Amino acid sequence: MHIIIGGAYNGKRDYVRTMLAGREAEWFEGVLPKHSDTCQVMVVAGIEKWLAETKLSEVEAIDQVLAAIDGRDVIVVLTDIGRGIVPINAQQRQLRDTCGRLYQQLMAEADEVTRIWYGLAQTLT
């Protein structure tokens, strides 16, 4: 698994498209891939949107994300929502916390992590 992380509108998707030049990939934006999806390379983006909309508990949601990408050639595009002002809304704070815990688990399992900062790529692991 290769994780691409950065702030909103920092060039993450453009970086992935350049990285994939010449390779076929299926994009999953705001949804998780199903086990019946058999594309060679998957790009999963917008997990924070999916988390905001799911009615699952935090543990169930994290387990479902991890199961959806397990054993696959996947690029996960993550939006860093943990920086800046802490939201006043309790649901937004909970989403931020859930994303942080999920992101930690994904980072621990990743083969490579790349941070995109305004179009500049930095390999973290």
N, C-alpha and C. Protein backbone atom coordinates (compact mmCIF):
# COMPACT_ATOMS: atom_id res chain seq x y z
N MET A 1 0.85 -1.17 0.00
CA MET A 1 0.00 0.00 0.00
C MET A 1 0.90 1.24 0.00
N HIS A 2 0.53 2.18 -0.85
CA HIS A 2 1.22 3.46 -0.90
C HIS A 2 0.23 4.53 -0.46
N ILE A 3 0.59 5.28 0.55
CA ILE A 3 -0.28 6.35 1.05
C ILE A 3 0.24 7.68 0.55
N ILE A 4 -0.68 8.49 0.07
CA ILE A 4 -0.40 9.86 -0.33
C ILE A 4 -1.22 10.73 0.62
N ILE A 5 -0.56 11.60 1.37
CA ILE A 5 -1.26 12.42 2.35
C ILE A 5 -0.87 13.88 2.18
N GLY A 6 -1.82 14.75 2.43
CA GLY A 6 -1.56 16.18 2.36
C GLY A 6 -2.85 16.94 2.62
N GLY A 7 -2.73 18.23 2.69
CA GLY A 7 -3.89 19.07 2.92
C GLY A 7 -4.81 19.10 1.71
N ALA A 8 -5.98 19.68 1.91
CA ALA A 8 -6.95 19.82 0.82
C ALA A 8 -6.35 20.68 -0.29
N TYR A 9 -6.56 20.24 -1.52
CA TYR A 9 -6.13 20.99 -2.71
C TYR A 9 -4.63 21.25 -2.74
N ASN A 10 -3.85 20.27 -2.29
CA ASN A 10 -2.39 20.39 -2.31
C ASN A 10 -1.75 19.64 -3.47
N GLY A 11 -2.54 19.01 -4.34
CA GLY A 11 -2.00 18.34 -5.51
C GLY A 11 -1.84 16.84 -5.38
N LYS A 12 -2.53 16.23 -4.42
CA LYS A 12 -2.39 14.79 -4.19
C LYS A 12 -2.85 13.98 -5.40
N ARG A 13 -4.02 14.29 -5.92
CA ARG A 13 -4.55 13.51 -7.04
C ARG A 13 -3.72 13.70 -8.31
N ASP A 14 -3.25 14.90 -8.56
CA ASP A 14 -2.38 15.13 -9.71
C ASP A 14 -1.09 14.32 -9.57
N TYR A 15 -0.55 14.26 -8.37
CA TYR A 15 0.65 13.48 -8.12
C TYR A 15 0.40 12.00 -8.43
N VAL A 16 -0.74 11.48 -7.98
CA VAL A 16 -1.08 10.07 -8.22
C VAL A 16 -1.23 9.82 -9.71
N ARG A 17 -1.91 10.72 -10.43
CA ARG A 17 -2.08 10.54 -11.88
C ARG A 17 -0.72 10.49 -12.59
N THR A 18 0.21 11.34 -12.18
CA THR A 18 1.55 11.34 -12.76
C THR A 18 2.28 10.05 -12.41
N MET A 19 2.13 9.62 -11.18
CA MET A 19 2.76 8.40 -10.71
C MET A 19 2.26 7.17 -11.47
N LEU A 20 0.99 7.20 -11.86
CA LEU A 20 0.37 6.07 -12.55
C LEU A 20 0.51 6.13 -14.06
N ALA A 21 1.18 7.10 -14.59
CA ALA A 21 1.27 7.29 -16.04
C ALA A 21 1.51 5.96 -16.75
N GLY A 22 0.60 5.61 -17.64
CA GLY A 22 0.72 4.37 -18.40
C GLY A 22 0.16 3.14 -17.73
N ARG A 23 -0.23 3.24 -16.48
CA ARG A 23 -0.80 2.09 -15.76
C ARG A 23 -2.31 2.29 -15.61
N GLU A 24 -3.03 1.22 -15.73
CA GLU A 24 -4.47 1.30 -15.51
C GLU A 24 -4.75 1.25 -14.02
N ALA A 25 -5.71 2.06 -13.60
CA ALA A 25 -6.11 2.06 -12.19
C ALA A 25 -7.58 2.43 -12.12
N GLU A 26 -8.24 1.88 -11.14
CA GLU A 26 -9.64 2.25 -10.90
C GLU A 26 -9.69 3.12 -9.65
N TRP A 27 -10.40 4.23 -9.75
CA TRP A 27 -10.50 5.19 -8.64
C TRP A 27 -11.79 4.96 -7.88
N PHE A 28 -11.68 4.98 -6.57
CA PHE A 28 -12.84 4.89 -5.67
C PHE A 28 -12.82 6.17 -4.83
N GLU A 29 -13.74 7.06 -5.13
CA GLU A 29 -13.78 8.38 -4.48
C GLU A 29 -14.94 8.43 -3.50
N GLY A 30 -14.63 8.47 -2.20
CA GLY A 30 -15.67 8.56 -1.18
C GLY A 30 -16.43 7.27 -0.95
N VAL A 31 -15.97 6.19 -1.55
CA VAL A 31 -16.56 4.86 -1.35
C VAL A 31 -15.42 3.86 -1.19
N LEU A 32 -15.72 2.74 -0.59
CA LEU A 32 -14.73 1.68 -0.43
C LEU A 32 -14.89 0.66 -1.54
N PRO A 33 -13.80 0.08 -2.02
CA PRO A 33 -13.92 -0.98 -3.02
C PRO A 33 -14.56 -2.22 -2.41
N LYS A 34 -15.24 -2.96 -3.24
CA LYS A 34 -15.84 -4.23 -2.82
C LYS A 34 -14.87 -5.34 -3.19
N HIS A 35 -15.03 -6.49 -2.57
CA HIS A 35 -14.14 -7.61 -2.87
C HIS A 35 -14.33 -8.12 -4.29
N SER A 36 -15.45 -7.78 -4.92
CA SER A 36 -15.67 -8.20 -6.30
C SER A 36 -14.93 -7.31 -7.30
N ASP A 37 -14.45 -6.13 -6.86
CA ASP A 37 -13.68 -5.26 -7.74
C ASP A 37 -12.32 -5.90 -7.96
N THR A 38 -11.99 -6.15 -9.22
CA THR A 38 -10.78 -6.92 -9.51
C THR A 38 -9.75 -6.13 -10.32
N CYS A 39 -9.80 -4.83 -10.30
CA CYS A 39 -8.83 -4.05 -11.05
C CYS A 39 -7.43 -4.29 -10.49
N GLN A 40 -6.43 -4.05 -11.34
CA GLN A 40 -5.05 -4.33 -10.94
C GLN A 40 -4.57 -3.36 -9.87
N VAL A 41 -4.75 -2.07 -10.09
CA VAL A 41 -4.35 -1.05 -9.12
C VAL A 41 -5.58 -0.24 -8.75
N MET A 42 -5.76 -0.04 -7.46
CA MET A 42 -6.90 0.76 -6.99
C MET A 42 -6.38 2.02 -6.32
N VAL A 43 -7.10 3.11 -6.55
CA VAL A 43 -6.83 4.35 -5.85
C VAL A 43 -8.07 4.63 -5.00
N VAL A 44 -7.88 4.69 -3.70
CA VAL A 44 -8.98 4.95 -2.78
C VAL A 44 -8.77 6.34 -2.20
N ALA A 45 -9.72 7.22 -2.46
CA ALA A 45 -9.62 8.61 -2.00
C ALA A 45 -10.92 9.01 -1.33
N GLY A 46 -10.86 10.04 -0.51
CA GLY A 46 -12.08 10.54 0.12
C GLY A 46 -12.59 9.69 1.26
N ILE A 47 -11.68 8.97 1.93
CA ILE A 47 -12.10 8.13 3.05
C ILE A 47 -12.75 8.98 4.14
N GLU A 48 -12.26 10.20 4.33
CA GLU A 48 -12.84 11.07 5.35
C GLU A 48 -14.31 11.39 5.03
N LYS A 49 -14.66 11.49 3.75
CA LYS A 49 -16.06 11.71 3.36
C LYS A 49 -16.89 10.48 3.69
N TRP A 50 -16.34 9.31 3.39
CA TRP A 50 -17.04 8.06 3.70
C TRP A 50 -17.25 7.94 5.21
N LEU A 51 -16.22 8.25 5.99
CA LEU A 51 -16.33 8.17 7.44
C LEU A 51 -17.39 9.13 7.97
N ALA A 52 -17.49 10.31 7.38
CA ALA A 52 -18.47 11.31 7.83
C ALA A 52 -19.90 10.84 7.58
N GLU A 53 -20.09 10.00 6.56
CA GLU A 53 -21.44 9.58 6.19
C GLU A 53 -21.85 8.23 6.75
N THR A 54 -20.89 7.41 7.17
CA THR A 54 -21.24 6.07 7.64
C THR A 54 -21.92 6.12 9.00
N LYS A 55 -22.77 5.16 9.23
CA LYS A 55 -23.45 5.03 10.53
C LYS A 55 -22.78 3.97 11.40
N LEU A 56 -21.68 3.42 10.91
CA LEU A 56 -20.96 2.40 11.67
C LEU A 56 -20.25 3.04 12.86
N SER A 57 -19.97 2.23 13.87
CA SER A 57 -19.14 2.71 14.97
C SER A 57 -17.74 2.95 14.46
N GLU A 58 -16.94 3.65 15.23
CA GLU A 58 -15.56 3.92 14.80
C GLU A 58 -14.79 2.63 14.56
N VAL A 59 -14.89 1.70 15.47
CA VAL A 59 -14.17 0.43 15.34
C VAL A 59 -14.64 -0.32 14.09
N GLU A 60 -15.95 -0.40 13.87
CA GLU A 60 -16.48 -1.09 12.69
C GLU A 60 -16.04 -0.40 11.40
N ALA A 61 -16.06 0.92 11.40
CA ALA A 61 -15.66 1.67 10.20
C ALA A 61 -14.20 1.45 9.87
N ILE A 62 -13.34 1.52 10.87
CA ILE A 62 -11.91 1.30 10.65
C ILE A 62 -11.67 -0.12 10.17
N ASP A 63 -12.33 -1.09 10.79
CA ASP A 63 -12.19 -2.49 10.36
C ASP A 63 -12.63 -2.66 8.90
N GLN A 64 -13.71 -1.98 8.51
CA GLN A 64 -14.22 -2.10 7.15
C GLN A 64 -13.24 -1.49 6.14
N VAL A 65 -12.64 -0.37 6.47
CA VAL A 65 -11.65 0.25 5.59
C VAL A 65 -10.46 -0.69 5.42
N LEU A 66 -9.94 -1.20 6.52
CA LEU A 66 -8.78 -2.09 6.46
C LEU A 66 -9.09 -3.36 5.67
N ALA A 67 -10.28 -3.91 5.85
CA ALA A 67 -10.67 -5.12 5.12
C ALA A 67 -10.81 -4.85 3.62
N ALA A 68 -11.30 -3.67 3.26
CA ALA A 68 -11.52 -3.34 1.85
C ALA A 68 -10.22 -3.24 1.06
N ILE A 69 -9.13 -2.90 1.72
CA ILE A 69 -7.87 -2.72 1.01
C ILE A 69 -6.87 -3.85 1.27
N ASP A 70 -7.21 -4.76 2.15
CA ASP A 70 -6.29 -5.83 2.54
C ASP A 70 -5.87 -6.68 1.35
N GLY A 71 -4.56 -6.84 1.19
CA GLY A 71 -4.02 -7.73 0.17
C GLY A 71 -4.11 -7.20 -1.24
N ARG A 72 -4.37 -5.93 -1.42
CA ARG A 72 -4.53 -5.37 -2.76
C ARG A 72 -3.43 -4.38 -3.07
N ASP A 73 -3.20 -4.17 -4.36
CA ASP A 73 -2.28 -3.13 -4.81
C ASP A 73 -3.08 -1.83 -4.79
N VAL A 74 -2.88 -1.05 -3.76
CA VAL A 74 -3.73 0.11 -3.54
C VAL A 74 -2.91 1.35 -3.21
N ILE A 75 -3.39 2.45 -3.73
CA ILE A 75 -2.87 3.77 -3.38
C ILE A 75 -3.99 4.45 -2.62
N VAL A 76 -3.71 4.88 -1.40
CA VAL A 76 -4.72 5.53 -0.58
C VAL A 76 -4.38 7.01 -0.49
N VAL A 77 -5.32 7.85 -0.90
CA VAL A 77 -5.14 9.30 -0.87
C VAL A 77 -5.87 9.83 0.35
N LEU A 78 -5.12 10.39 1.29
CA LEU A 78 -5.69 10.87 2.55
C LEU A 78 -5.57 12.39 2.65
N THR A 79 -6.66 13.02 3.08
CA THR A 79 -6.63 14.45 3.34
C THR A 79 -6.33 14.65 4.81
N ASP A 80 -5.28 15.39 5.09
CA ASP A 80 -4.89 15.67 6.47
C ASP A 80 -5.85 16.71 7.04
N ILE A 81 -6.74 16.25 7.92
CA ILE A 81 -7.70 17.18 8.53
C ILE A 81 -7.38 17.43 10.00
N GLY A 82 -6.23 16.97 10.44
CA GLY A 82 -5.87 17.07 11.85
C GLY A 82 -5.11 18.33 12.23
N ARG A 83 -4.86 19.19 11.28
CA ARG A 83 -4.12 20.42 11.58
C ARG A 83 -5.10 21.59 11.63
N GLY A 84 -4.67 22.64 12.22
CA GLY A 84 -5.50 23.84 12.22
C GLY A 84 -6.38 23.92 13.46
N ILE A 85 -7.43 24.68 13.33
CA ILE A 85 -8.34 24.95 14.44
C ILE A 85 -9.17 23.71 14.75
N VAL A 86 -9.30 23.39 16.02
CA VAL A 86 -10.13 22.28 16.44
C VAL A 86 -11.60 22.69 16.25
N PRO A 87 -12.37 21.88 15.54
CA PRO A 87 -13.77 22.25 15.29
C PRO A 87 -14.58 22.39 16.58
N ILE A 88 -15.50 23.34 16.59
CA ILE A 88 -16.37 23.54 17.75
C ILE A 88 -17.48 22.48 17.79
N ASN A 89 -17.86 21.99 16.62
CA ASN A 89 -18.91 20.99 16.49
C ASN A 89 -18.39 19.62 16.94
N ALA A 90 -19.13 18.98 17.85
CA ALA A 90 -18.69 17.70 18.42
C ALA A 90 -18.55 16.62 17.34
N GLN A 91 -19.45 16.58 16.36
CA GLN A 91 -19.37 15.57 15.31
C GLN A 91 -18.12 15.77 14.45
N GLN A 92 -17.78 17.01 14.17
CA GLN A 92 -16.57 17.29 13.39
C GLN A 92 -15.31 16.94 14.16
N ARG A 93 -15.32 17.17 15.47
CA ARG A 93 -14.18 16.76 16.30
C ARG A 93 -14.04 15.25 16.30
N GLN A 94 -15.17 14.54 16.41
CA GLN A 94 -15.15 13.08 16.40
C GLN A 94 -14.61 12.56 15.06
N LEU A 95 -15.04 13.17 13.95
CA LEU A 95 -14.54 12.76 12.64
C LEU A 95 -13.03 12.96 12.55
N ARG A 96 -12.57 14.09 13.04
CA ARG A 96 -11.14 14.40 13.03
C ARG A 96 -10.37 13.35 13.85
N ASP A 97 -10.88 13.00 15.01
CA ASP A 97 -10.24 11.99 15.86
C ASP A 97 -10.25 10.62 15.21
N THR A 98 -11.40 10.24 14.62
CA THR A 98 -11.51 8.94 13.95
C THR A 98 -10.53 8.86 12.78
N CYS A 99 -10.47 9.92 11.98
CA CYS A 99 -9.52 9.94 10.87
C CYS A 99 -8.10 9.77 11.39
N GLY A 100 -7.76 10.45 12.47
CA GLY A 100 -6.42 10.33 13.02
C GLY A 100 -6.08 8.92 13.43
N ARG A 101 -7.02 8.24 14.08
CA ARG A 101 -6.76 6.86 14.50
C ARG A 101 -6.67 5.92 13.29
N LEU A 102 -7.56 6.11 12.30
CA LEU A 102 -7.50 5.29 11.09
C LEU A 102 -6.19 5.54 10.35
N TYR A 103 -5.82 6.81 10.19
CA TYR A 103 -4.60 7.15 9.46
C TYR A 103 -3.38 6.51 10.13
N GLN A 104 -3.35 6.47 11.46
CA GLN A 104 -2.22 5.84 12.16
C GLN A 104 -2.12 4.36 11.80
N GLN A 105 -3.27 3.68 11.75
CA GLN A 105 -3.25 2.25 11.40
C GLN A 105 -2.81 2.05 9.96
N LEU A 106 -3.31 2.91 9.06
CA LEU A 106 -2.92 2.79 7.66
C LEU A 106 -1.43 3.04 7.48
N MET A 107 -0.91 4.06 8.16
CA MET A 107 0.52 4.37 8.06
C MET A 107 1.38 3.20 8.56
N ALA A 108 0.93 2.55 9.62
CA ALA A 108 1.67 1.42 10.18
C ALA A 108 1.76 0.26 9.20
N GLU A 109 0.77 0.11 8.34
CA GLU A 109 0.74 -0.99 7.38
C GLU A 109 1.30 -0.63 6.01
N ALA A 110 1.53 0.64 5.77
CA ALA A 110 1.94 1.11 4.45
C ALA A 110 3.36 0.68 4.09
N ASP A 111 3.56 0.40 2.81
CA ASP A 111 4.89 0.13 2.29
C ASP A 111 5.63 1.44 2.03
N GLU A 112 4.86 2.45 1.68
CA GLU A 112 5.44 3.75 1.35
C GLU A 112 4.44 4.85 1.70
N VAL A 113 4.95 5.97 2.21
CA VAL A 113 4.11 7.13 2.54
C VAL A 113 4.75 8.36 1.89
N THR A 114 3.93 9.09 1.15
CA THR A 114 4.39 10.31 0.50
C THR A 114 3.49 11.45 0.95
N ARG A 115 4.14 12.52 1.43
CA ARG A 115 3.38 13.72 1.81
C ARG A 115 3.49 14.73 0.67
N ILE A 116 2.34 15.28 0.30
CA ILE A 116 2.29 16.31 -0.73
C ILE A 116 2.01 17.64 -0.05
N TRP A 117 2.89 18.58 -0.27
CA TRP A 117 2.74 19.91 0.32
C TRP A 117 2.79 20.91 -0.83
N TYR A 118 1.63 21.38 -1.24
CA TYR A 118 1.50 22.34 -2.35
C TYR A 118 2.24 21.87 -3.60
N GLY A 119 2.00 20.60 -3.94
CA GLY A 119 2.55 20.02 -5.15
C GLY A 119 3.93 19.41 -5.00
N LEU A 120 4.60 19.63 -3.88
CA LEU A 120 5.92 19.05 -3.65
C LEU A 120 5.78 17.74 -2.88
N ALA A 121 6.43 16.70 -3.40
CA ALA A 121 6.34 15.38 -2.78
C ALA A 121 7.54 15.14 -1.86
N GLN A 122 7.24 14.56 -0.70
CA GLN A 122 8.28 14.19 0.25
C GLN A 122 7.98 12.77 0.71
N THR A 123 8.94 11.87 0.49
CA THR A 123 8.77 10.48 0.93
C THR A 123 9.06 10.40 2.42
N LEU A 124 8.11 9.83 3.17
CA LEU A 124 8.28 9.70 4.61
C LEU A 124 8.79 8.32 4.98
N THR A 125 8.30 7.27 4.32
CA THR A 125 8.80 5.91 4.55
C THR A 125 8.76 5.14 3.26
